[in-house]
Amino acid sequence: MDNLENILLFGLIAIDAILVIVILMQQKEGGLSTVFGGEGGVYRSRRGFAKGLHYMTIILGVIFVALNIAILFLL
C-alpha cells in the first residue's frame, strides 16, 4: 500500500506542476483581463495552440480532482 501512496502523491505533484505551467502559458487577452485593465476588444474563438492549451487545462484539472479524491479515499 505504501508504494501506491507514493505513486499517487508523485503523480499529484507532477500534475500540479504541469497545470501551473499550462495556465501561465495561456494568453492574457481572454477571461477577466479586461476587468483589470486589459484591452477591450471583440471576442475571438480560440484557435490552434490556444485551443489546445484550453483543452489541456480542462483535462489536467479533471485529473487533478480525480487524484485528490483517490488520495482522500486511499490514505
PDB file of N, CA and C in Angstrom:
ATOM      1  N   MET A   1       0.820  -1.198   0.000  1.00  0.00           N
ATOM      2  CA  MET A   1       0.000   0.000   0.000  1.00  0.00           C
ATOM      3  C   MET A   1       0.863   1.261   0.000  1.00  0.00           C
ATOM      4  N   ASP A   2       2.022   1.179   0.621  1.00  0.00           N
ATOM      5  CA  ASP A   2       2.910   2.339   0.693  1.00  0.00           C
ATOM      6  C   ASP A   2       3.400   2.748  -0.693  1.00  0.00           C
ATOM      7  N   ASN A   3       3.616   1.772  -1.561  1.00  0.00           N
ATOM      8  CA  ASN A   3       4.070   2.057  -2.913  1.00  0.00           C
ATOM      9  C   ASN A   3       2.989   2.797  -3.701  1.00  0.00           C
ATOM     10  N   LEU A   4       1.739   2.396  -3.537  1.00  0.00           N
ATOM     11  CA  LEU A   4       0.626   3.056  -4.221  1.00  0.00           C
ATOM     12  C   LEU A   4       0.482   4.504  -3.742  1.00  0.00           C
ATOM     13  N   GLU A   5       0.673   4.738  -2.469  1.00  0.00           N
ATOM     14  CA  GLU A   5       0.605   6.102  -1.928  1.00  0.00           C
ATOM     15  C   GLU A   5       1.685   6.983  -2.547  1.00  0.00           C
ATOM     16  N   ASN A   6       2.880   6.449  -2.661  1.00  0.00           N
ATOM     17  CA  ASN A   6       3.981   7.224  -3.253  1.00  0.00           C
ATOM     18  C   ASN A   6       3.708   7.548  -4.715  1.00  0.00           C
ATOM     19  N   ILE A   7       3.160   6.584  -5.447  1.00  0.00           N
ATOM     20  CA  ILE A   7       2.841   6.806  -6.862  1.00  0.00           C
ATOM     21  C   ILE A   7       1.775   7.883  -7.003  1.00  0.00           C
ATOM     22  N   LEU A   8       0.726   7.821  -6.177  1.00  0.00           N
ATOM     23  CA  LEU A   8      -0.344   8.814  -6.243  1.00  0.00           C
ATOM     24  C   LEU A   8       0.167  10.205  -5.875  1.00  0.00           C
ATOM     25  N   LEU A   9       0.966  10.295  -4.842  1.00  0.00           N
ATOM     26  CA  LEU A   9       1.492  11.593  -4.429  1.00  0.00           C
ATOM     27  C   LEU A   9       2.454  12.169  -5.467  1.00  0.00           C
ATOM     28  N   PHE A  10       3.301  11.331  -6.046  1.00  0.00           N
ATOM     29  CA  PHE A  10       4.200  11.799  -7.092  1.00  0.00           C
ATOM     30  C   PHE A  10       3.405  12.257  -8.316  1.00  0.00           C
ATOM     31  N   GLY A  11       2.385  11.482  -8.669  1.00  0.00           N
ATOM     32  CA  GLY A  11       1.523  11.867  -9.795  1.00  0.00           C
ATOM     33  C   GLY A  11       0.824  13.188  -9.537  1.00  0.00           C
ATOM     34  N   LEU A  12       0.364  13.405  -8.318  1.00  0.00           N
ATOM     35  CA  LEU A  12      -0.310  14.655  -7.973  1.00  0.00           C
ATOM     36  C   LEU A  12       0.643  15.842  -8.073  1.00  0.00           C
ATOM     37  N   ILE A  13       1.851  15.678  -7.604  1.00  0.00           N
ATOM     38  CA  ILE A  13       2.832  16.763  -7.687  1.00  0.00           C
ATOM     39  C   ILE A  13       3.164  17.071  -9.142  1.00  0.00           C
ATOM     40  N   ALA A  14       3.317  16.033  -9.965  1.00  0.00           N
ATOM     41  CA  ALA A  14       3.614  16.241 -11.382  1.00  0.00           C
ATOM     42  C   ALA A  14       2.462  16.951 -12.088  1.00  0.00           C
ATOM     43  N   ILE A  15       1.234  16.529 -11.831  1.00  0.00           N
ATOM     44  CA  ILE A  15       0.061  17.163 -12.440  1.00  0.00           C
ATOM     45  C   ILE A  15      -0.047  18.613 -11.979  1.00  0.00           C
ATOM     46  N   ASP A  16       0.235  18.868 -10.702  1.00  0.00           N
ATOM     47  CA  ASP A  16       0.202  20.247 -10.186  1.00  0.00           C
ATOM     48  C   ASP A  16       1.163  21.152 -10.961  1.00  0.00           C
ATOM     49  N   ALA A  17       2.387  20.682 -11.130  1.00  0.00           N
ATOM     50  CA  ALA A  17       3.393  21.492 -11.817  1.00  0.00           C
ATOM     51  C   ALA A  17       3.014  21.735 -13.276  1.00  0.00           C
ATOM     52  N   ILE A  18       2.549  20.701 -13.947  1.00  0.00           N
ATOM     53  CA  ILE A  18       2.157  20.846 -15.352  1.00  0.00           C
ATOM     54  C   ILE A  18       0.961  21.770 -15.481  1.00  0.00           C
ATOM     55  N   LEU A  19       0.005  21.655 -14.567  1.00  0.00           N
ATOM     56  CA  LEU A  19      -1.184  22.505 -14.608  1.00  0.00           C
ATOM     57  C   LEU A  19      -0.815  23.976 -14.417  1.00  0.00           C
ATOM     58  N   VAL A  20       0.088  24.266 -13.516  1.00  0.00           N
ATOM     59  CA  VAL A  20       0.533  25.652 -13.308  1.00  0.00           C
ATOM     60  C   VAL A  20       1.191  26.196 -14.572  1.00  0.00           C
ATOM     61  N   ILE A  21       2.047  25.390 -15.194  1.00  0.00           N
ATOM     62  CA  ILE A  21       2.728  25.833 -16.414  1.00  0.00           C
ATOM     63  C   ILE A  21       1.734  26.088 -17.539  1.00  0.00           C
ATOM     64  N   VAL A  22       0.770  25.186 -17.713  1.00  0.00           N
ATOM     65  CA  VAL A  22      -0.217  25.342 -18.791  1.00  0.00           C
ATOM     66  C   VAL A  22      -1.085  26.581 -18.561  1.00  0.00           C
ATOM     67  N   ILE A  23      -1.459  26.835 -17.322  1.00  0.00           N
ATOM     68  CA  ILE A  23      -2.268  28.019 -17.026  1.00  0.00           C
ATOM     69  C   ILE A  23      -1.471  29.293 -17.296  1.00  0.00           C
ATOM     70  N   LEU A  24      -0.204  29.317 -16.922  1.00  0.00           N
ATOM     71  CA  LEU A  24       0.612  30.504 -17.144  1.00  0.00           C
ATOM     72  C   LEU A  24       0.923  30.746 -18.620  1.00  0.00           C
ATOM     73  N   MET A  25       0.854  29.722 -19.438  1.00  0.00           N
ATOM     74  CA  MET A  25       1.134  29.870 -20.867  1.00  0.00           C
ATOM     75  C   MET A  25      -0.050  30.442 -21.650  1.00  0.00           C
ATOM     76  N   GLN A  26      -1.232  30.467 -21.043  1.00  0.00           N
ATOM     77  CA  GLN A  26      -2.407  30.948 -21.764  1.00  0.00           C
ATOM     78  C   GLN A  26      -2.325  32.445 -21.979  1.00  0.00           C
ATOM     79  N   GLN A  27      -2.988  32.900 -23.026  1.00  0.00           N
ATOM     80  CA  GLN A  27      -2.946  34.308 -23.392  1.00  0.00           C
ATOM     81  C   GLN A  27      -3.654  35.163 -22.346  1.00  0.00           C
ATOM     82  N   LYS A  28      -3.212  36.403 -22.244  1.00  0.00           N
ATOM     83  CA  LYS A  28      -3.809  37.332 -21.290  1.00  0.00           C
ATOM     84  C   LYS A  28      -5.039  38.021 -21.856  1.00  0.00           C
ATOM     85  N   GLU A  29      -5.341  37.834 -23.115  1.00  0.00           N
ATOM     86  CA  GLU A  29      -6.437  38.557 -23.750  1.00  0.00           C
ATOM     87  C   GLU A  29      -7.816  38.047 -23.350  1.00  0.00           C
ATOM     88  N   GLY A  30      -7.916  36.836 -22.922  1.00  0.00           N
ATOM     89  CA  GLY A  30      -9.219  36.272 -22.619  1.00  0.00           C
ATOM     90  C   GLY A  30      -9.560  36.395 -21.152  1.00  0.00           C
ATOM     91  N   GLY A  31     -10.742  35.975 -20.805  1.00  0.00           N
ATOM     92  CA  GLY A  31     -11.170  35.925 -19.415  1.00  0.00           C
ATOM     93  C   GLY A  31     -11.441  37.281 -18.807  1.00  0.00           C
ATOM     94  N   LEU A  32     -10.990  37.467 -17.582  1.00  0.00           N
ATOM     95  CA  LEU A  32     -11.274  38.687 -16.832  1.00  0.00           C
ATOM     96  C   LEU A  32     -10.190  39.750 -16.989  1.00  0.00           C
ATOM     97  N   SER A  33      -9.295  39.600 -17.941  1.00  0.00           N
ATOM     98  CA  SER A  33      -8.208  40.575 -18.064  1.00  0.00           C
ATOM     99  C   SER A  33      -8.729  41.968 -18.402  1.00  0.00           C
ATOM    100  N   THR A  34      -9.880  42.065 -19.079  1.00  0.00           N
ATOM    101  CA  THR A  34     -10.426  43.379 -19.399  1.00  0.00           C
ATOM    102  C   THR A  34     -10.911  44.099 -18.140  1.00  0.00           C
ATOM    103  N   VAL A  35     -11.294  43.355 -17.127  1.00  0.00           N
ATOM    104  CA  VAL A  35     -11.746  43.963 -15.877  1.00  0.00           C
ATOM    105  C   VAL A  35     -10.574  44.622 -15.165  1.00  0.00           C
ATOM    106  N   PHE A  36      -9.399  44.037 -15.282  1.00  0.00           N
ATOM    107  CA  PHE A  36      -8.235  44.530 -14.568  1.00  0.00           C
ATOM    108  C   PHE A  36      -7.301  45.339 -15.457  1.00  0.00           C
ATOM    109  N   GLY A  37      -7.824  46.029 -16.450  1.00  0.00           N
ATOM    110  CA  GLY A  37      -7.031  46.937 -17.243  1.00  0.00           C
ATOM    111  C   GLY A  37      -6.566  46.416 -18.573  1.00  0.00           C
ATOM    112  N   GLY A  38      -7.013  45.248 -18.983  1.00  0.00           N
ATOM    113  CA  GLY A  38      -6.621  44.730 -20.291  1.00  0.00           C
ATOM    114  C   GLY A  38      -7.376  45.442 -21.402  1.00  0.00           C
ATOM    115  N   GLU A  39      -6.924  45.253 -22.596  1.00  0.00           N
ATOM    116  CA  GLU A  39      -7.562  45.868 -23.753  1.00  0.00           C
ATOM    117  C   GLU A  39      -8.924  45.227 -23.990  1.00  0.00           C
ATOM    118  N   GLY A  40      -9.957  46.047 -24.167  1.00  0.00           N
ATOM    119  CA  GLY A  40     -11.268  45.535 -24.524  1.00  0.00           C
ATOM    120  C   GLY A  40     -11.345  45.365 -26.018  1.00  0.00           C
ATOM    121  N   GLY A  41     -11.845  44.271 -26.457  1.00  0.00           N
ATOM    122  CA  GLY A  41     -11.896  44.038 -27.896  1.00  0.00           C
ATOM    123  C   GLY A  41     -13.040  43.102 -28.244  1.00  0.00           C
ATOM    124  N   VAL A  42     -13.025  42.679 -29.447  1.00  0.00           N
ATOM    125  CA  VAL A  42     -14.045  41.767 -29.936  1.00  0.00           C
ATOM    126  C   VAL A  42     -13.690  40.360 -29.488  1.00  0.00           C
ATOM    127  N   TYR A  43     -14.710  39.601 -29.117  1.00  0.00           N
ATOM    128  CA  TYR A  43     -14.490  38.220 -28.703  1.00  0.00           C
ATOM    129  C   TYR A  43     -13.989  37.394 -29.879  1.00  0.00           C
ATOM    130  N   ARG A  44     -12.957  36.625 -29.652  1.00  0.00           N
ATOM    131  CA  ARG A  44     -12.434  35.729 -30.674  1.00  0.00           C
ATOM    132  C   ARG A  44     -12.441  34.311 -30.138  1.00  0.00           C
ATOM    133  N   SER A  45     -12.740  33.383 -30.998  1.00  0.00           N
ATOM    134  CA  SER A  45     -12.702  31.992 -30.568  1.00  0.00           C
ATOM    135  C   SER A  45     -11.250  31.535 -30.501  1.00  0.00           C
ATOM    136  N   ARG A  46     -11.010  30.556 -29.673  1.00  0.00           N
ATOM    137  CA  ARG A  46      -9.655  30.032 -29.539  1.00  0.00           C
ATOM    138  C   ARG A  46      -9.325  29.196 -30.761  1.00  0.00           C
ATOM    139  N   ARG A  47      -8.085  29.326 -31.209  1.00  0.00           N
ATOM    140  CA  ARG A  47      -7.643  28.565 -32.367  1.00  0.00           C
ATOM    141  C   ARG A  47      -6.242  28.039 -32.136  1.00  0.00           C
ATOM    142  N   GLY A  48      -5.956  26.933 -32.748  1.00  0.00           N
ATOM    143  CA  GLY A  48      -4.610  26.380 -32.747  1.00  0.00           C
ATOM    144  C   GLY A  48      -4.084  26.072 -31.362  1.00  0.00           C
ATOM    145  N   PHE A  49      -2.930  26.653 -31.050  1.00  0.00           N
ATOM    146  CA  PHE A  49      -2.227  26.367 -29.808  1.00  0.00           C
ATOM    147  C   PHE A  49      -3.038  26.784 -28.586  1.00  0.00           C
ATOM    148  N   ALA A  50      -3.726  27.926 -28.657  1.00  0.00           N
ATOM    149  CA  ALA A  50      -4.528  28.399 -27.524  1.00  0.00           C
ATOM    150  C   ALA A  50      -5.680  27.442 -27.232  1.00  0.00           C
ATOM    151  N   LYS A  51      -6.266  26.878 -28.272  1.00  0.00           N
ATOM    152  CA  LYS A  51      -7.357  25.917 -28.093  1.00  0.00           C
ATOM    153  C   LYS A  51      -6.827  24.640 -27.433  1.00  0.00           C
ATOM    154  N   GLY A  52      -5.647  24.210 -27.865  1.00  0.00           N
ATOM    155  CA  GLY A  52      -5.025  23.036 -27.252  1.00  0.00           C
ATOM    156  C   GLY A  52      -4.709  23.256 -25.784  1.00  0.00           C
ATOM    157  N   LEU A  53      -4.202  24.449 -25.451  1.00  0.00           N
ATOM    158  CA  LEU A  53      -3.924  24.765 -24.045  1.00  0.00           C
ATOM    159  C   LEU A  53      -5.199  24.790 -23.215  1.00  0.00           C
ATOM    160  N   HIS A  54      -6.275  25.287 -23.810  1.00  0.00           N
ATOM    161  CA  HIS A  54      -7.557  25.343 -23.114  1.00  0.00           C
ATOM    162  C   HIS A  54      -8.052  23.936 -22.776  1.00  0.00           C
ATOM    163  N   TYR A  55      -8.023  23.051 -23.763  1.00  0.00           N
ATOM    164  CA  TYR A  55      -8.462  21.676 -23.525  1.00  0.00           C
ATOM    165  C   TYR A  55      -7.523  20.947 -22.574  1.00  0.00           C
ATOM    166  N   MET A  56      -6.224  21.199 -22.672  1.00  0.00           N
ATOM    167  CA  MET A  56      -5.269  20.569 -21.778  1.00  0.00           C
ATOM    168  C   MET A  56      -5.500  21.011 -20.334  1.00  0.00           C
ATOM    169  N   THR A  57      -5.865  22.273 -20.142  1.00  0.00           N
ATOM    170  CA  THR A  57      -6.157  22.775 -18.801  1.00  0.00           C
ATOM    171  C   THR A  57      -7.359  22.062 -18.206  1.00  0.00           C
ATOM    172  N   ILE A  58      -8.393  21.865 -19.013  1.00  0.00           N
ATOM    173  CA  ILE A  58      -9.586  21.164 -18.534  1.00  0.00           C
ATOM    174  C   ILE A  58      -9.256  19.723 -18.171  1.00  0.00           C
ATOM    175  N   ILE A  59      -8.523  19.035 -19.043  1.00  0.00           N
ATOM    176  CA  ILE A  59      -8.174  17.637 -18.788  1.00  0.00           C
ATOM    177  C   ILE A  59      -7.299  17.510 -17.546  1.00  0.00           C
ATOM    178  N   LEU A  60      -6.302  18.378 -17.415  1.00  0.00           N
ATOM    179  CA  LEU A  60      -5.433  18.336 -16.234  1.00  0.00           C
ATOM    180  C   LEU A  60      -6.191  18.670 -14.962  1.00  0.00           C
ATOM    181  N   GLY A  61      -7.168  19.571 -15.052  1.00  0.00           N
ATOM    182  CA  GLY A  61      -7.992  19.884 -13.883  1.00  0.00           C
ATOM    183  C   GLY A  61      -8.819  18.691 -13.437  1.00  0.00           C
ATOM    184  N   VAL A  62      -9.374  17.961 -14.386  1.00  0.00           N
ATOM    185  CA  VAL A  62     -10.160  16.759 -14.056  1.00  0.00           C
ATOM    186  C   VAL A  62      -9.252  15.698 -13.440  1.00  0.00           C
ATOM    187  N   ILE A  63      -8.058  15.499 -14.000  1.00  0.00           N
ATOM    188  CA  ILE A  63      -7.109  14.533 -13.440  1.00  0.00           C
ATOM    189  C   ILE A  63      -6.686  14.953 -12.035  1.00  0.00           C
ATOM    190  N   PHE A  64      -6.473  16.253 -11.832  1.00  0.00           N
ATOM    191  CA  PHE A  64      -6.101  16.776 -10.518  1.00  0.00           C
ATOM    192  C   PHE A  64      -7.168  16.449  -9.472  1.00  0.00           C
ATOM    193  N   VAL A  65      -8.425  16.696  -9.810  1.00  0.00           N
ATOM    194  CA  VAL A  65      -9.522  16.409  -8.879  1.00  0.00           C
ATOM    195  C   VAL A  65      -9.631  14.909  -8.630  1.00  0.00           C
ATOM    196  N   ALA A  66      -9.504  14.096  -9.680  1.00  0.00           N
ATOM    197  CA  ALA A  66      -9.600  12.648  -9.528  1.00  0.00           C
ATOM    198  C   ALA A  66      -8.487  12.099  -8.638  1.00  0.00           C
ATOM    199  N   LEU A  67      -7.277  12.598  -8.819  1.00  0.00           N
ATOM    200  CA  LEU A  67      -6.173  12.144  -7.970  1.00  0.00           C
ATOM    201  C   LEU A  67      -6.380  12.551  -6.516  1.00  0.00           C
ATOM    202  N   ASN A  68      -6.889  13.740  -6.288  1.00  0.00           N
ATOM    203  CA  ASN A  68      -7.157  14.167  -4.911  1.00  0.00           C
ATOM    204  C   ASN A  68      -8.222  13.315  -4.256  1.00  0.00           C
ATOM    205  N   ILE A  69      -9.251  12.956  -5.007  1.00  0.00           N
ATOM    206  CA  ILE A  69     -10.307  12.095  -4.455  1.00  0.00           C
ATOM    207  C   ILE A  69      -9.751  10.703  -4.179  1.00  0.00           C
ATOM    208  N   ALA A  70      -8.917  10.190  -5.085  1.00  0.00           N
ATOM    209  CA  ALA A  70      -8.305   8.875  -4.877  1.00  0.00           C
ATOM    210  C   ALA A  70      -7.422   8.880  -3.630  1.00  0.00           C
ATOM    211  N   ILE A  71      -6.641   9.934  -3.478  1.00  0.00           N
ATOM    212  CA  ILE A  71      -5.780  10.029  -2.300  1.00  0.00           C
ATOM    213  C   ILE A  71      -6.619  10.144  -1.025  1.00  0.00           C
ATOM    214  N   LEU A  72      -7.706  10.881  -1.087  1.00  0.00           N
ATOM    215  CA  LEU A  72      -8.570  11.040   0.075  1.00  0.00           C
ATOM    216  C   LEU A  72      -9.124   9.702   0.546  1.00  0.00           C
ATOM    217  N   PHE A  73      -9.550   8.862  -0.390  1.00  0.00           N
ATOM    218  CA  PHE A  73     -10.157   7.590  -0.013  1.00  0.00           C
ATOM    219  C   PHE A  73      -9.133   6.496   0.280  1.00  0.00           C
ATOM    220  N   LEU A  74      -7.945   6.592  -0.295  1.00  0.00           N
ATOM    221  CA  LEU A  74      -6.962   5.524  -0.100  1.00  0.00           C
ATOM    222  C   LEU A  74      -6.002   5.770   1.063  1.00  0.00           C
ATOM    223  N   LEU A  75      -5.836   7.016   1.454  1.00  0.00           N
ATOM    224  CA  LEU A  75      -4.861   7.262   2.529  1.00  0.00           C
ATOM    225  C   LEU A  75      -5.508   7.299   3.860  1.00  0.00           C
TER     226      LEU A  75
END
